[in-house]
């Protein structure tokens, strides 16, 4: 499940409200305190966690419920709205109409930058876009081979130079080929920690490339260090969006989620598994809905559409509606489609 611990803590806090008979001042204060603790325990920046809980408290105590809503429903709705506002309110948009749309991925070692480049390429290719992957990571020995393998797996074009140590020179040698693509994704180098060498390299690549999107890739387990990293990258290359990886496991995730507040940009995508398909647009309302146990039917339907052939689905549906039993072949195809949708725990989490 995505951010299981944080989601569990937030749901526990809300359940206290749903179980009591009267939502009074003490109940609201207790709820806001529980939410603040849950956010801080989930690695959300302490100041941000305090601000969110204070807004929830002030609104719940001072706003009158809308017509038809009970005080309990009104309070739950405020929690939902404030958590959504914290995550950017609306989903981050990428102008895919521009051609070529050039995207630069930045981040430290271990963030999953190269794998994310492959996932991003597959995501756009499924939309019918002509995509190219470009290697400029000359620091990590396996970077060239890994990105090339990902490009072959996704079946998109790949550019790079295994013998060249200067990333700016690599770009100069291949930039004239970008015009024939819809999307160009450039994977940059990282380091174990932020240092002057990495910042100088990113500044040089950014200046040469002049990308339309600079996406900061952060691991969900980064913790409170996310704020300083996000600020440093933003200062060096002007981050326009954040991609959070490794949100499928036990990662707390709050630190990475806080990065959008620091960079004044939105989380645009999230990685929810190891497979190249385990990659989704980040939609704040849907994400918060899952965290609070309200499900996410929109994403569930999209996953189902991508996993199942429409014609086969209609054929099985007609059989069932007509009172006919499914064959073993039908059952097998259904199980295969379910497997393509990802881990069962993730699928179940999208059901309210």
Protein backbone atom coordinates (compact mmCIF):
# COMPACT_ATOMS: atom_id res chain seq x y z
CA UNK A 1 0.00 0.00 0.00
CA UNK A 2 1.15 3.56 -0.72
CA UNK A 3 2.42 5.21 2.50
CA UNK A 4 0.79 2.56 4.68
CA UNK A 5 1.96 3.96 8.04
CA UNK A 6 0.95 7.55 7.34
CA UNK A 7 -2.41 6.47 5.91
CA UNK A 8 -3.07 4.20 8.87
CA UNK A 9 -2.29 6.98 11.37
CA UNK A 10 -4.54 9.48 9.58
CA UNK A 11 -7.41 6.98 9.37
CA UNK A 12 -7.06 6.19 13.08
CA UNK A 13 -7.31 9.90 13.86
CA UNK A 14 -10.48 10.27 11.77
CA UNK A 15 -12.07 7.14 13.24
CA UNK A 16 -12.04 8.77 16.67
CA UNK A 17 -14.25 11.52 15.28
CA UNK A 18 -16.65 9.08 13.61
CA UNK A 19 -17.09 7.06 16.80
CA UNK A 20 -17.96 9.88 19.22
CA UNK A 21 -21.49 11.23 19.59
CA UNK A 22 -20.65 14.94 19.61
CA UNK A 23 -17.91 16.74 17.67
CA UNK A 24 -17.11 19.54 20.13
CA UNK A 25 -14.11 21.82 20.65
CA UNK A 26 -12.14 19.20 22.60
CA UNK A 27 -12.71 16.61 19.86
CA UNK A 28 -11.49 19.02 17.15
CA UNK A 29 -8.38 19.97 19.16
CA UNK A 30 -7.63 16.29 19.77
CA UNK A 31 -8.08 15.48 16.06
CA UNK A 32 -5.78 18.29 14.89
CA UNK A 33 -3.15 17.15 17.40
CA UNK A 34 -3.37 13.55 16.20
CA UNK A 35 -3.02 14.66 12.57
CA UNK A 36 0.02 16.78 13.41
CA UNK A 37 1.66 13.79 15.14
CA UNK A 38 0.84 11.51 12.18
CA UNK A 39 2.35 13.96 9.67
CA UNK A 40 5.53 14.50 11.70
CA UNK A 41 5.91 10.73 12.22
CA UNK A 42 5.54 10.41 8.44
CA UNK A 43 8.53 12.76 7.95
CA UNK A 44 6.51 15.80 6.88
CA UNK A 45 8.39 19.03 7.67
CA UNK A 46 7.57 19.98 11.29
CA UNK A 47 6.56 23.56 10.45
CA UNK A 48 4.30 22.37 7.61
CA UNK A 49 2.70 19.74 9.87
CA UNK A 50 1.94 22.41 12.48
CA UNK A 51 0.51 24.76 9.85
CA UNK A 52 -1.77 22.05 8.42
CA UNK A 53 -3.08 20.98 11.82
CA UNK A 54 -3.65 24.62 12.84
CA UNK A 55 -5.65 25.30 9.66
CA UNK A 56 -7.76 22.19 10.29
CA UNK A 57 -8.40 23.30 13.88
CA UNK A 58 -9.28 26.90 12.96
CA UNK A 59 -11.63 25.93 10.13
CA UNK A 60 -13.37 23.16 12.08
CA UNK A 61 -13.97 25.50 15.03
CA UNK A 62 -14.97 28.62 13.09
CA UNK A 63 -16.67 27.49 9.87
CA UNK A 64 -20.32 26.48 9.85
CA UNK A 65 -21.15 23.17 8.14
CA UNK A 66 -22.68 23.46 4.67
CA UNK A 67 -26.34 22.64 4.30
CA UNK A 68 -26.94 18.91 4.61
CA UNK A 69 -23.59 18.15 6.32
CA UNK A 70 -23.27 17.08 9.93
CA UNK A 71 -20.49 18.52 12.11
CA UNK A 72 -18.66 15.18 11.77
CA UNK A 73 -18.88 15.16 7.96
CA UNK A 74 -17.88 18.83 7.86
CA UNK A 75 -14.75 18.12 9.93
CA UNK A 76 -13.72 15.13 7.81
CA UNK A 77 -14.20 17.24 4.67
CA UNK A 78 -11.93 19.97 6.10
CA UNK A 79 -9.21 17.38 6.80
CA UNK A 80 -9.51 16.13 3.21
CA UNK A 81 -9.33 19.67 1.76
CA UNK A 82 -6.36 20.81 3.84
CA UNK A 83 -4.31 17.68 3.11
CA UNK A 84 -5.13 18.13 -0.59
CA UNK A 85 -4.06 21.79 -0.46
CA UNK A 86 -0.77 20.76 1.16
CA UNK A 87 -0.07 18.44 -1.78
CA UNK A 88 -0.74 21.09 -4.41
CA UNK A 89 -4.57 20.97 -4.65
CA UNK A 90 -4.68 20.22 -8.39
CA UNK A 91 -2.47 17.84 -10.36
CA UNK A 92 0.68 19.24 -11.98
CA UNK A 93 0.30 19.69 -15.72
CA UNK A 94 2.92 19.03 -18.40
CA UNK A 95 2.50 20.68 -21.78
CA UNK A 96 2.82 17.64 -24.03
CA UNK A 97 1.67 19.68 -27.05
CA UNK A 98 5.08 21.37 -27.30
CA UNK A 99 7.43 19.55 -29.66
CA UNK A 100 9.98 18.53 -28.69
CA UNK A 101 9.21 18.62 -24.99
CA UNK A 102 12.61 18.34 -23.30
CA UNK A 103 12.69 16.98 -19.75
CA UNK A 104 15.73 16.91 -17.45
CA UNK A 105 15.70 14.54 -14.46
CA UNK A 106 17.87 15.50 -11.47
CA UNK A 107 18.50 13.92 -8.07
CA UNK A 108 20.99 12.03 -5.90
CA UNK A 109 22.21 8.43 -6.10
CA UNK A 110 19.59 5.95 -4.95
CA UNK A 111 16.61 8.12 -5.81
CA UNK A 112 15.73 5.92 -8.79
CA UNK A 113 16.42 8.56 -11.44
CA UNK A 114 17.49 6.23 -14.26
CA UNK A 115 14.66 3.74 -13.68
CA UNK A 116 12.24 6.65 -13.53
CA UNK A 117 13.54 7.85 -16.91
CA UNK A 118 12.52 4.47 -18.36
CA UNK A 119 9.13 4.57 -16.65
CA UNK A 120 8.52 8.10 -17.91
CA UNK A 121 9.44 7.01 -21.45
CA UNK A 122 6.98 4.12 -21.30
CA UNK A 123 4.27 6.38 -19.84
CA UNK A 124 4.51 8.81 -22.75
CA UNK A 125 4.96 6.09 -25.37
CA UNK A 126 1.65 4.55 -24.29
CA UNK A 127 0.10 7.92 -25.14
CA UNK A 128 1.37 7.59 -28.70
CA UNK A 129 4.32 9.96 -28.31
CA UNK A 130 7.66 9.47 -30.05
CA UNK A 131 10.19 9.36 -27.21
CA UNK A 132 13.99 9.43 -26.87
CA UNK A 133 16.13 8.73 -23.80
CA UNK A 134 19.43 10.57 -23.42
CA UNK A 135 22.29 9.59 -21.10
CA UNK A 136 24.40 12.34 -19.52
CA UNK A 137 25.35 10.47 -16.34
CA UNK A 138 29.09 9.99 -16.79
CA UNK A 139 29.76 9.48 -13.09
CA UNK A 140 28.10 6.12 -12.33
CA UNK A 141 29.81 3.26 -14.25
CA UNK A 142 26.62 1.34 -15.07
CA UNK A 143 24.48 4.36 -15.96
CA UNK A 144 25.01 4.15 -19.74
CA UNK A 145 24.26 0.41 -19.93
CA UNK A 146 21.25 0.64 -17.61
CA UNK A 147 19.55 3.44 -19.53
CA UNK A 148 20.30 1.75 -22.86
CA UNK A 149 18.70 -1.48 -21.59
CA UNK A 150 15.65 0.44 -20.41
CA UNK A 151 15.33 2.15 -23.80
CA UNK A 152 15.45 -1.26 -25.50
CA UNK A 153 12.84 -2.67 -23.09
CA UNK A 154 10.48 0.25 -23.70
CA UNK A 155 11.39 0.30 -27.42
CA UNK A 156 12.34 3.96 -27.66
CA UNK A 157 15.46 5.57 -29.18
CA UNK A 158 18.56 6.03 -27.04
CA UNK A 159 21.43 8.52 -27.23
CA UNK A 160 24.63 8.67 -25.24
CA UNK A 161 28.40 8.26 -25.38
CA UNK A 162 30.03 5.70 -23.10
CA UNK A 163 33.55 7.07 -23.70
CA UNK A 164 32.78 10.79 -23.19
CA UNK A 165 33.19 12.10 -19.63
CA UNK A 166 31.77 15.57 -20.21
CA UNK A 167 27.91 15.59 -20.12
CA UNK A 168 27.70 18.96 -21.88
CA UNK A 169 29.68 17.58 -24.84
CA UNK A 170 27.32 14.57 -25.03
CA UNK A 171 24.39 16.96 -25.31
CA UNK A 172 26.09 19.10 -27.95
CA UNK A 173 26.66 16.00 -30.10
CA UNK A 174 23.03 14.82 -30.02
CA UNK A 175 20.83 17.92 -29.63
CA UNK A 176 20.35 18.34 -33.37
CA UNK A 177 18.40 15.05 -33.35
CA UNK A 178 15.82 16.18 -30.77
CA UNK A 179 13.50 17.90 -33.28
CA UNK A 180 12.12 14.61 -34.62
CA UNK A 181 10.78 13.55 -31.21
CA UNK A 182 7.70 14.52 -29.21
CA UNK A 183 9.39 13.89 -25.85
CA UNK A 184 13.10 13.90 -24.99
CA UNK A 185 14.03 12.64 -21.50
CA UNK A 186 17.54 13.40 -20.24
CA UNK A 187 18.95 11.43 -17.30
CA UNK A 188 21.57 13.41 -15.38
CA UNK A 189 24.27 12.30 -12.92
CA UNK A 190 23.86 12.14 -9.16
CA UNK A 191 26.17 11.82 -6.17
CA UNK A 192 25.96 10.28 -2.72
CA UNK A 193 25.40 13.77 -1.35
CA UNK A 194 24.97 17.30 -2.62
CA UNK A 195 28.31 18.95 -3.32
CA UNK A 196 29.75 21.79 -5.40
CA UNK A 197 30.85 19.40 -8.15
CA UNK A 198 27.32 18.04 -8.68
CA UNK A 199 25.74 21.50 -8.57
CA UNK A 200 28.25 22.83 -11.13
CA UNK A 201 27.56 19.85 -13.41
CA UNK A 202 23.78 20.31 -13.17
CA UNK A 203 24.08 24.03 -13.86
CA UNK A 204 26.16 23.29 -17.01
CA UNK A 205 23.75 20.62 -18.29
CA UNK A 206 20.75 22.83 -17.58
CA UNK A 207 22.29 25.79 -19.40
CA UNK A 208 23.17 23.71 -22.48
CA UNK A 209 19.85 21.86 -22.58
CA UNK A 210 17.46 24.68 -21.62
CA UNK A 211 14.79 22.09 -20.73
CA UNK A 212 11.04 22.70 -20.65
CA UNK A 213 10.71 20.62 -17.48
CA UNK A 214 13.24 20.03 -14.70
CA UNK A 215 11.95 17.15 -12.59
CA UNK A 216 13.51 16.44 -9.20
CA UNK A 217 13.44 12.72 -8.39
CA UNK A 218 13.18 12.01 -4.66
CA UNK A 219 12.98 8.67 -2.90
CA UNK A 220 10.01 8.19 -0.60
CA UNK A 221 12.36 7.23 2.24
CA UNK A 222 14.44 10.42 2.09
CA UNK A 223 13.06 11.85 5.34
CA UNK A 224 13.62 15.41 6.56
CA UNK A 225 16.67 15.85 4.29
CA UNK A 226 14.24 16.42 1.40
CA UNK A 227 13.83 20.11 2.19
CA UNK A 228 17.53 20.99 1.86
CA UNK A 229 17.97 18.83 -1.24
CA UNK A 230 14.93 20.30 -2.95
CA UNK A 231 16.07 23.84 -2.20
CA UNK A 232 19.62 23.25 -3.48
CA UNK A 233 18.45 21.66 -6.74
CA UNK A 234 15.85 24.37 -7.20
CA UNK A 235 18.47 27.09 -6.78
CA UNK A 236 20.79 25.44 -9.32
CA UNK A 237 18.37 24.56 -12.12
CA UNK A 238 14.87 25.82 -11.33
CA UNK A 239 12.87 22.70 -10.48
CA UNK A 240 9.45 22.68 -12.18
CA UNK A 241 8.11 19.46 -10.69
CA UNK A 242 8.84 16.54 -8.38
CA UNK A 243 8.70 12.77 -8.96
CA UNK A 244 8.52 10.61 -5.85
CA UNK A 245 9.76 7.03 -6.10
CA UNK A 246 9.49 3.95 -3.88
CA UNK A 247 6.07 4.80 -2.48
CA UNK A 248 5.00 1.17 -2.61
CA UNK A 249 6.81 -0.09 0.47
CA UNK A 250 7.24 1.04 4.06
CA UNK A 251 8.61 4.47 3.15
CA UNK A 252 7.17 7.27 5.28
CA UNK A 253 7.11 9.57 2.24
CA UNK A 254 6.24 12.80 4.04
CA UNK A 255 9.68 14.33 3.51
CA UNK A 256 9.48 13.90 -0.25
CA UNK A 257 5.90 15.18 -0.28
CA UNK A 258 7.08 18.32 1.51
CA UNK A 259 9.45 19.10 -1.37
CA UNK A 260 6.70 20.65 -3.48
CA UNK A 261 6.24 23.35 -0.83
CA UNK A 262 9.97 24.13 -0.83
CA UNK A 263 10.33 24.32 -4.63
CA UNK A 264 6.92 25.94 -5.11
CA UNK A 265 6.22 23.23 -7.70
CA UNK A 266 3.93 20.24 -7.76
CA UNK A 267 4.55 16.53 -7.40
CA UNK A 268 3.80 15.38 -10.96
CA UNK A 269 4.41 11.62 -10.91
CA UNK A 270 5.00 8.83 -8.41
CA UNK A 271 6.61 5.42 -8.65
CA UNK A 272 4.59 2.72 -6.89
CA UNK A 273 6.58 -0.41 -7.70
CA UNK A 274 9.62 -1.85 -9.47
CA UNK A 275 8.00 -2.68 -12.82
CA UNK A 276 8.09 -0.12 -15.64
CA UNK A 277 4.28 0.05 -15.51
CA UNK A 278 4.29 0.97 -11.81
CA UNK A 279 4.19 4.68 -12.49
CA UNK A 280 1.29 7.09 -12.12
CA UNK A 281 0.34 10.72 -12.46
CA UNK A 282 0.17 12.32 -9.04
CA UNK A 283 -3.33 13.63 -8.37
CA UNK A 284 -3.57 15.20 -4.89
CA UNK A 285 -7.30 14.55 -4.41
CA UNK A 286 -7.02 10.89 -5.43
CA UNK A 287 -3.88 10.42 -3.32
CA UNK A 288 -5.46 11.88 -0.17
CA UNK A 289 -8.60 9.86 -0.81
CA UNK A 290 -6.51 6.67 -0.73
CA UNK A 291 -4.63 7.79 2.39
CA UNK A 292 -7.89 8.36 4.25
CA UNK A 293 -9.38 5.02 3.15
CA UNK A 294 -11.90 6.60 0.76
CA UNK A 295 -10.56 4.72 -2.27
CA UNK A 296 -9.63 5.95 -5.73
CA UNK A 297 -12.01 4.57 -8.33
CA UNK A 298 -10.69 6.88 -11.08
CA UNK A 299 -7.19 5.37 -10.93
CA UNK A 300 -8.63 1.87 -10.49
CA UNK A 301 -10.66 2.21 -13.70
CA UNK A 302 -7.62 3.51 -15.60
CA UNK A 303 -5.56 0.56 -14.42
CA UNK A 304 -8.32 -1.83 -15.47
CA UNK A 305 -8.54 -0.23 -18.92
CA UNK A 306 -4.80 -0.57 -19.41
CA UNK A 307 -4.71 -4.17 -18.20
CA UNK A 308 -7.70 -5.62 -20.02
CA UNK A 309 -8.57 -5.81 -23.68
CA UNK A 310 -11.90 -4.02 -24.15
CA UNK A 311 -13.28 -6.59 -26.58
CA UNK A 312 -12.44 -9.50 -24.26
CA UNK A 313 -13.96 -7.69 -21.28
CA UNK A 314 -17.22 -7.08 -23.15
CA UNK A 315 -17.34 -10.71 -24.24
CA UNK A 316 -16.98 -11.98 -20.65
CA UNK A 317 -19.51 -9.41 -19.40
CA UNK A 318 -22.11 -10.58 -21.94
CA UNK A 319 -21.57 -14.19 -20.83
CA UNK A 320 -22.11 -13.33 -17.18
CA UNK A 321 -25.10 -11.07 -17.85
CA UNK A 322 -26.63 -13.76 -20.06
CA UNK A 323 -26.39 -16.32 -17.27
CA UNK A 324 -23.64 -18.34 -18.94
CA UNK A 325 -20.72 -19.67 -16.90
CA UNK A 326 -17.16 -18.50 -17.54
CA UNK A 327 -14.72 -20.97 -19.08
CA UNK A 328 -11.30 -21.67 -17.60
CA UNK A 329 -9.83 -19.61 -20.46
CA UNK A 330 -12.02 -16.65 -19.45
CA UNK A 331 -10.98 -17.04 -15.82
CA UNK A 332 -7.31 -17.21 -16.79
CA UNK A 333 -7.56 -14.01 -18.86
CA UNK A 334 -9.26 -12.26 -15.91
CA UNK A 335 -6.50 -13.36 -13.53
CA UNK A 336 -3.85 -12.22 -16.00
CA UNK A 337 -5.49 -8.80 -16.29
CA UNK A 338 -5.67 -8.49 -12.50
CA UNK A 339 -1.97 -9.36 -12.25
CA UNK A 340 -1.13 -6.58 -14.74
CA UNK A 341 -2.89 -4.04 -12.50
CA UNK A 342 -0.19 -4.49 -9.84
CA UNK A 343 -0.07 -5.95 -6.32
CA UNK A 344 -3.50 -6.91 -4.97
CA UNK A 345 -2.93 -4.76 -1.88
CA UNK A 346 -2.63 -1.65 -4.11
CA UNK A 347 -5.76 -2.57 -6.06
CA UNK A 348 -7.75 -3.16 -2.85
CA UNK A 349 -6.58 0.18 -1.49
CA UNK A 350 -8.33 1.93 -4.40
CA UNK A 351 -11.70 0.46 -3.42
CA UNK A 352 -13.57 2.66 -0.89
